[in-house]
Amino acid sequence: MQNKSKLIRIFIGNIANAVVHEVLENAIKEQNLRSYYGKEMQNSFLLAKRYREKLNPANKPLPKSLKIREKIVKKATQELNIRIKKGYTHIDIDSTDKITEKFLKRLKI
């Protein structure tokens, strides 16, 4: 079995990536890019789901002491700020909280 802290770090990275891609999908008007970001979001979410299942049984919540939600929001916000500096527009950073919560509920955390 892999190191639990490494699994948590990978899980957080994949969920944060899914959040970033959903925010980007909502910001883009062009359909080709929207579908690309949608696929990337789905792939990242499925990977996060696999790592979630490796951490502990899916019907048991993860300990709140890990502060996973805060880490996901922080990581996603940092990535979105990088994208904004690169020239991306119409990005709603405030939506990261809501999207993170939605994904965590889907994973029963």
N, C-alpha and C. Protein backbone atom coordinates (compact mmCIF):
# COMPACT_ATOMS: atom_id res chain seq x y z
N MET A 1 0.84 -1.19 0.00
CA MET A 1 0.00 0.00 0.00
C MET A 1 0.88 1.25 0.00
N GLN A 2 0.44 2.26 -0.73
CA GLN A 2 1.20 3.49 -0.83
C GLN A 2 1.07 4.31 0.45
N ASN A 3 2.01 5.22 0.63
CA ASN A 3 2.01 6.12 1.76
C ASN A 3 0.73 6.96 1.76
N LYS A 4 0.03 7.02 2.91
CA LYS A 4 -1.25 7.70 2.97
C LYS A 4 -1.14 9.19 2.65
N SER A 5 -0.08 9.85 3.13
CA SER A 5 0.05 11.28 2.85
C SER A 5 0.27 11.54 1.36
N LYS A 6 0.95 10.62 0.68
CA LYS A 6 1.14 10.75 -0.76
C LYS A 6 -0.20 10.57 -1.49
N LEU A 7 -1.00 9.62 -1.05
CA LEU A 7 -2.33 9.40 -1.65
C LEU A 7 -3.20 10.64 -1.47
N ILE A 8 -3.15 11.23 -0.29
CA ILE A 8 -3.95 12.43 -0.03
C ILE A 8 -3.49 13.57 -0.91
N ARG A 9 -2.18 13.74 -1.07
CA ARG A 9 -1.64 14.80 -1.91
C ARG A 9 -2.08 14.62 -3.37
N ILE A 10 -2.03 13.40 -3.86
CA ILE A 10 -2.45 13.13 -5.24
C ILE A 10 -3.96 13.34 -5.39
N PHE A 11 -4.72 12.91 -4.41
CA PHE A 11 -6.17 13.10 -4.41
C PHE A 11 -6.49 14.59 -4.48
N ILE A 12 -5.86 15.40 -3.63
CA ILE A 12 -6.10 16.85 -3.60
C ILE A 12 -5.72 17.46 -4.95
N GLY A 13 -4.61 17.04 -5.52
CA GLY A 13 -4.19 17.56 -6.82
C GLY A 13 -5.19 17.28 -7.92
N ASN A 14 -5.74 16.08 -7.94
CA ASN A 14 -6.71 15.72 -8.98
C ASN A 14 -8.04 16.45 -8.80
N ILE A 15 -8.51 16.57 -7.56
CA ILE A 15 -9.75 17.31 -7.33
C ILE A 15 -9.56 18.78 -7.69
N ALA A 16 -8.42 19.36 -7.29
CA ALA A 16 -8.15 20.77 -7.61
C ALA A 16 -8.11 20.97 -9.13
N ASN A 17 -7.52 20.03 -9.83
CA ASN A 17 -7.46 20.11 -11.29
C ASN A 17 -8.87 20.04 -11.89
N ALA A 18 -9.72 19.18 -11.33
CA ALA A 18 -11.10 19.10 -11.80
C ALA A 18 -11.83 20.42 -11.56
N VAL A 19 -11.60 21.05 -10.41
CA VAL A 19 -12.23 22.33 -10.09
C VAL A 19 -11.77 23.39 -11.09
N VAL A 20 -10.47 23.45 -11.35
CA VAL A 20 -9.92 24.43 -12.29
C VAL A 20 -10.56 24.25 -13.66
N HIS A 21 -10.65 23.02 -14.13
CA HIS A 21 -11.20 22.80 -15.46
C HIS A 21 -12.69 23.11 -15.53
N GLU A 22 -13.42 22.90 -14.45
CA GLU A 22 -14.84 23.28 -14.48
C GLU A 22 -14.99 24.80 -14.50
N VAL A 23 -14.17 25.50 -13.73
CA VAL A 23 -14.21 26.97 -13.76
C VAL A 23 -13.88 27.46 -15.17
N LEU A 24 -12.85 26.88 -15.78
CA LEU A 24 -12.46 27.28 -17.14
C LEU A 24 -13.56 26.95 -18.15
N GLU A 25 -14.20 25.80 -17.97
CA GLU A 25 -15.29 25.42 -18.87
C GLU A 25 -16.43 26.44 -18.78
N ASN A 26 -16.70 26.92 -17.58
CA ASN A 26 -17.78 27.91 -17.40
C ASN A 26 -17.39 29.27 -17.95
N ALA A 27 -16.08 29.55 -18.07
CA ALA A 27 -15.61 30.86 -18.51
C ALA A 27 -15.51 30.98 -20.03
N ILE A 28 -15.48 29.87 -20.72
CA ILE A 28 -15.22 29.86 -22.16
C ILE A 28 -16.53 29.77 -22.94
N LYS A 29 -16.61 30.54 -23.99
CA LYS A 29 -17.81 30.52 -24.85
C LYS A 29 -17.65 29.54 -26.01
N GLU A 30 -16.42 29.35 -26.49
CA GLU A 30 -16.17 28.49 -27.65
C GLU A 30 -16.44 27.02 -27.29
N GLN A 31 -17.28 26.37 -28.08
CA GLN A 31 -17.73 25.02 -27.77
C GLN A 31 -16.60 23.99 -27.77
N ASN A 32 -15.64 24.11 -28.69
CA ASN A 32 -14.54 23.14 -28.74
C ASN A 32 -13.72 23.17 -27.46
N LEU A 33 -13.42 24.37 -26.98
CA LEU A 33 -12.66 24.48 -25.74
C LEU A 33 -13.49 24.03 -24.54
N ARG A 34 -14.77 24.35 -24.55
CA ARG A 34 -15.65 23.92 -23.44
C ARG A 34 -15.66 22.39 -23.33
N SER A 35 -15.76 21.71 -24.46
CA SER A 35 -15.79 20.24 -24.41
C SER A 35 -14.44 19.70 -23.98
N TYR A 36 -13.34 20.35 -24.38
CA TYR A 36 -12.01 19.93 -23.93
C TYR A 36 -11.89 20.04 -22.41
N TYR A 37 -12.28 21.19 -21.87
CA TYR A 37 -12.20 21.39 -20.43
C TYR A 37 -13.15 20.44 -19.69
N GLY A 38 -14.29 20.16 -20.29
CA GLY A 38 -15.23 19.21 -19.68
C GLY A 38 -14.63 17.81 -19.59
N LYS A 39 -13.95 17.38 -20.65
CA LYS A 39 -13.31 16.06 -20.63
C LYS A 39 -12.18 16.01 -19.62
N GLU A 40 -11.38 17.07 -19.56
CA GLU A 40 -10.29 17.14 -18.58
C GLU A 40 -10.82 17.10 -17.15
N MET A 41 -11.92 17.81 -16.92
CA MET A 41 -12.54 17.81 -15.60
C MET A 41 -13.01 16.41 -15.23
N GLN A 42 -13.64 15.74 -16.16
CA GLN A 42 -14.15 14.38 -15.92
C GLN A 42 -13.00 13.41 -15.63
N ASN A 43 -11.93 13.49 -16.41
CA ASN A 43 -10.77 12.61 -16.19
C ASN A 43 -10.15 12.84 -14.81
N SER A 44 -9.97 14.09 -14.44
CA SER A 44 -9.39 14.41 -13.14
C SER A 44 -10.28 13.94 -12.01
N PHE A 45 -11.59 14.10 -12.18
CA PHE A 45 -12.52 13.66 -11.14
C PHE A 45 -12.48 12.14 -10.97
N LEU A 46 -12.43 11.42 -12.07
CA LEU A 46 -12.38 9.96 -11.99
C LEU A 46 -11.09 9.48 -11.32
N LEU A 47 -9.97 10.14 -11.62
CA LEU A 47 -8.72 9.80 -10.94
C LEU A 47 -8.82 10.09 -9.45
N ALA A 48 -9.39 11.22 -9.10
CA ALA A 48 -9.56 11.57 -7.68
C ALA A 48 -10.44 10.53 -6.99
N LYS A 49 -11.46 10.07 -7.68
CA LYS A 49 -12.36 9.06 -7.11
C LYS A 49 -11.60 7.77 -6.81
N ARG A 50 -10.71 7.37 -7.71
CA ARG A 50 -9.91 6.16 -7.47
C ARG A 50 -9.01 6.31 -6.26
N TYR A 51 -8.38 7.48 -6.15
CA TYR A 51 -7.51 7.71 -4.99
C TYR A 51 -8.32 7.82 -3.71
N ARG A 52 -9.51 8.36 -3.78
CA ARG A 52 -10.39 8.44 -2.61
C ARG A 52 -10.71 7.04 -2.11
N GLU A 53 -10.95 6.12 -3.02
CA GLU A 53 -11.26 4.74 -2.64
C GLU A 53 -10.06 4.03 -2.03
N LYS A 54 -8.85 4.46 -2.41
CA LYS A 54 -7.65 3.86 -1.83
C LYS A 54 -7.39 4.37 -0.42
N LEU A 55 -7.88 5.57 -0.09
CA LEU A 55 -7.61 6.17 1.21
C LEU A 55 -8.34 5.45 2.34
N ASN A 56 -9.61 5.26 2.21
CA ASN A 56 -10.40 4.50 3.17
C ASN A 56 -11.73 4.16 2.51
N PRO A 57 -12.50 3.27 3.11
CA PRO A 57 -13.76 2.87 2.47
C PRO A 57 -14.62 4.08 2.11
N ALA A 58 -15.28 4.01 0.97
CA ALA A 58 -16.04 5.13 0.44
C ALA A 58 -17.19 5.54 1.36
N ASN A 59 -17.68 4.63 2.18
CA ASN A 59 -18.79 4.97 3.06
C ASN A 59 -18.32 5.61 4.37
N LYS A 60 -17.01 5.70 4.60
CA LYS A 60 -16.47 6.34 5.80
C LYS A 60 -15.86 7.69 5.40
N PRO A 61 -16.22 8.76 6.10
CA PRO A 61 -15.65 10.06 5.75
C PRO A 61 -14.18 10.15 6.15
N LEU A 62 -13.46 11.00 5.44
CA LEU A 62 -12.07 11.26 5.80
C LEU A 62 -12.03 12.16 7.02
N PRO A 63 -11.00 12.08 7.81
CA PRO A 63 -10.92 12.93 9.01
C PRO A 63 -10.90 14.41 8.64
N LYS A 64 -11.65 15.21 9.39
CA LYS A 64 -11.72 16.65 9.12
C LYS A 64 -10.40 17.34 9.44
N SER A 65 -9.57 16.69 10.23
CA SER A 65 -8.29 17.29 10.61
C SER A 65 -7.36 17.45 9.41
N LEU A 66 -7.63 16.76 8.32
CA LEU A 66 -6.77 16.85 7.14
C LEU A 66 -6.96 18.16 6.38
N LYS A 67 -8.05 18.87 6.63
CA LYS A 67 -8.35 20.15 5.99
C LYS A 67 -8.24 20.06 4.47
N ILE A 68 -8.80 19.01 3.93
CA ILE A 68 -8.73 18.74 2.49
C ILE A 68 -9.42 19.83 1.68
N ARG A 69 -10.58 20.26 2.13
CA ARG A 69 -11.34 21.26 1.39
C ARG A 69 -10.52 22.54 1.20
N GLU A 70 -9.92 23.02 2.28
CA GLU A 70 -9.13 24.25 2.22
C GLU A 70 -7.94 24.10 1.28
N LYS A 71 -7.31 22.94 1.31
CA LYS A 71 -6.15 22.70 0.44
C LYS A 71 -6.55 22.67 -1.03
N ILE A 72 -7.71 22.08 -1.31
CA ILE A 72 -8.20 22.02 -2.69
C ILE A 72 -8.50 23.42 -3.21
N VAL A 73 -9.21 24.21 -2.41
CA VAL A 73 -9.56 25.57 -2.82
C VAL A 73 -8.30 26.40 -3.04
N LYS A 74 -7.34 26.27 -2.14
CA LYS A 74 -6.09 27.04 -2.26
C LYS A 74 -5.34 26.67 -3.54
N LYS A 75 -5.22 25.38 -3.79
CA LYS A 75 -4.49 24.92 -4.98
C LYS A 75 -5.20 25.35 -6.27
N ALA A 76 -6.52 25.22 -6.30
CA ALA A 76 -7.29 25.61 -7.49
C ALA A 76 -7.20 27.12 -7.71
N THR A 77 -7.29 27.90 -6.65
CA THR A 77 -7.19 29.35 -6.76
C THR A 77 -5.82 29.78 -7.27
N GLN A 78 -4.78 29.14 -6.79
CA GLN A 78 -3.43 29.46 -7.26
C GLN A 78 -3.31 29.20 -8.76
N GLU A 79 -3.82 28.07 -9.21
CA GLU A 79 -3.74 27.73 -10.63
C GLU A 79 -4.55 28.71 -11.47
N LEU A 80 -5.72 29.08 -11.00
CA LEU A 80 -6.55 30.04 -11.75
C LEU A 80 -5.88 31.41 -11.81
N ASN A 81 -5.22 31.81 -10.74
CA ASN A 81 -4.50 33.09 -10.77
C ASN A 81 -3.37 33.06 -11.80
N ILE A 82 -2.71 31.92 -11.93
CA ILE A 82 -1.68 31.77 -12.96
C ILE A 82 -2.30 31.92 -14.34
N ARG A 83 -3.45 31.30 -14.54
CA ARG A 83 -4.14 31.39 -15.83
C ARG A 83 -4.54 32.83 -16.14
N ILE A 84 -5.00 33.55 -15.12
CA ILE A 84 -5.39 34.96 -15.32
C ILE A 84 -4.17 35.78 -15.74
N LYS A 85 -3.03 35.53 -15.12
CA LYS A 85 -1.80 36.24 -15.48
C LYS A 85 -1.37 35.93 -16.91
N LYS A 86 -1.73 34.75 -17.39
CA LYS A 86 -1.40 34.37 -18.77
C LYS A 86 -2.37 35.00 -19.77
N GLY A 87 -3.43 35.65 -19.28
CA GLY A 87 -4.35 36.32 -20.18
C GLY A 87 -5.74 35.71 -20.28
N TYR A 88 -6.03 34.68 -19.52
CA TYR A 88 -7.38 34.11 -19.54
C TYR A 88 -8.35 35.13 -18.97
N THR A 89 -9.56 35.16 -19.53
CA THR A 89 -10.55 36.14 -19.07
C THR A 89 -11.83 35.44 -18.62
N HIS A 90 -12.68 36.20 -17.93
CA HIS A 90 -13.99 35.73 -17.47
C HIS A 90 -13.89 34.57 -16.47
N ILE A 91 -12.81 34.48 -15.74
CA ILE A 91 -12.63 33.40 -14.77
C ILE A 91 -13.22 33.84 -13.44
N ASP A 92 -14.12 33.03 -12.91
CA ASP A 92 -14.79 33.33 -11.64
C ASP A 92 -14.11 32.54 -10.52
N ILE A 93 -13.10 33.14 -9.91
CA ILE A 93 -12.35 32.47 -8.85
C ILE A 93 -13.24 32.17 -7.65
N ASP A 94 -14.23 33.01 -7.41
CA ASP A 94 -15.12 32.81 -6.25
C ASP A 94 -15.92 31.51 -6.35
N SER A 95 -16.06 30.98 -7.53
CA SER A 95 -16.85 29.74 -7.70
C SER A 95 -16.08 28.49 -7.26
N THR A 96 -14.79 28.63 -6.96
CA THR A 96 -14.01 27.44 -6.56
C THR A 96 -14.57 26.80 -5.30
N ASP A 97 -15.04 27.60 -4.34
CA ASP A 97 -15.62 27.05 -3.11
C ASP A 97 -16.83 26.17 -3.42
N LYS A 98 -17.73 26.71 -4.23
CA LYS A 98 -18.97 25.99 -4.56
C LYS A 98 -18.68 24.71 -5.34
N ILE A 99 -17.80 24.79 -6.30
CA ILE A 99 -17.47 23.62 -7.12
C ILE A 99 -16.75 22.57 -6.29
N THR A 100 -15.84 23.00 -5.42
CA THR A 100 -15.14 22.06 -4.54
C THR A 100 -16.14 21.33 -3.66
N GLU A 101 -17.06 22.07 -3.08
CA GLU A 101 -18.08 21.46 -2.22
C GLU A 101 -18.90 20.43 -3.00
N LYS A 102 -19.26 20.76 -4.24
CA LYS A 102 -20.04 19.85 -5.08
C LYS A 102 -19.29 18.55 -5.31
N PHE A 103 -17.99 18.64 -5.65
CA PHE A 103 -17.19 17.44 -5.90
C PHE A 103 -17.01 16.61 -4.64
N LEU A 104 -16.78 17.27 -3.51
CA LEU A 104 -16.58 16.54 -2.26
C LEU A 104 -17.86 15.82 -1.84
N LYS A 105 -19.00 16.42 -2.09
CA LYS A 105 -20.28 15.74 -1.79
C LYS A 105 -20.45 14.52 -2.67
N ARG A 106 -20.05 14.64 -3.94
CA ARG A 106 -20.16 13.49 -4.84
C ARG A 106 -19.26 12.34 -4.40
N LEU A 107 -18.16 12.68 -3.73
CA LEU A 107 -17.24 11.66 -3.23
C LEU A 107 -17.52 11.27 -1.78
N LYS A 108 -18.56 11.85 -1.20
CA LYS A 108 -18.98 11.54 0.17
C LYS A 108 -17.88 11.83 1.19
N ILE A 109 -17.32 13.01 1.09
CA ILE A 109 -16.29 13.40 2.06
C ILE A 109 -16.91 14.33 3.07
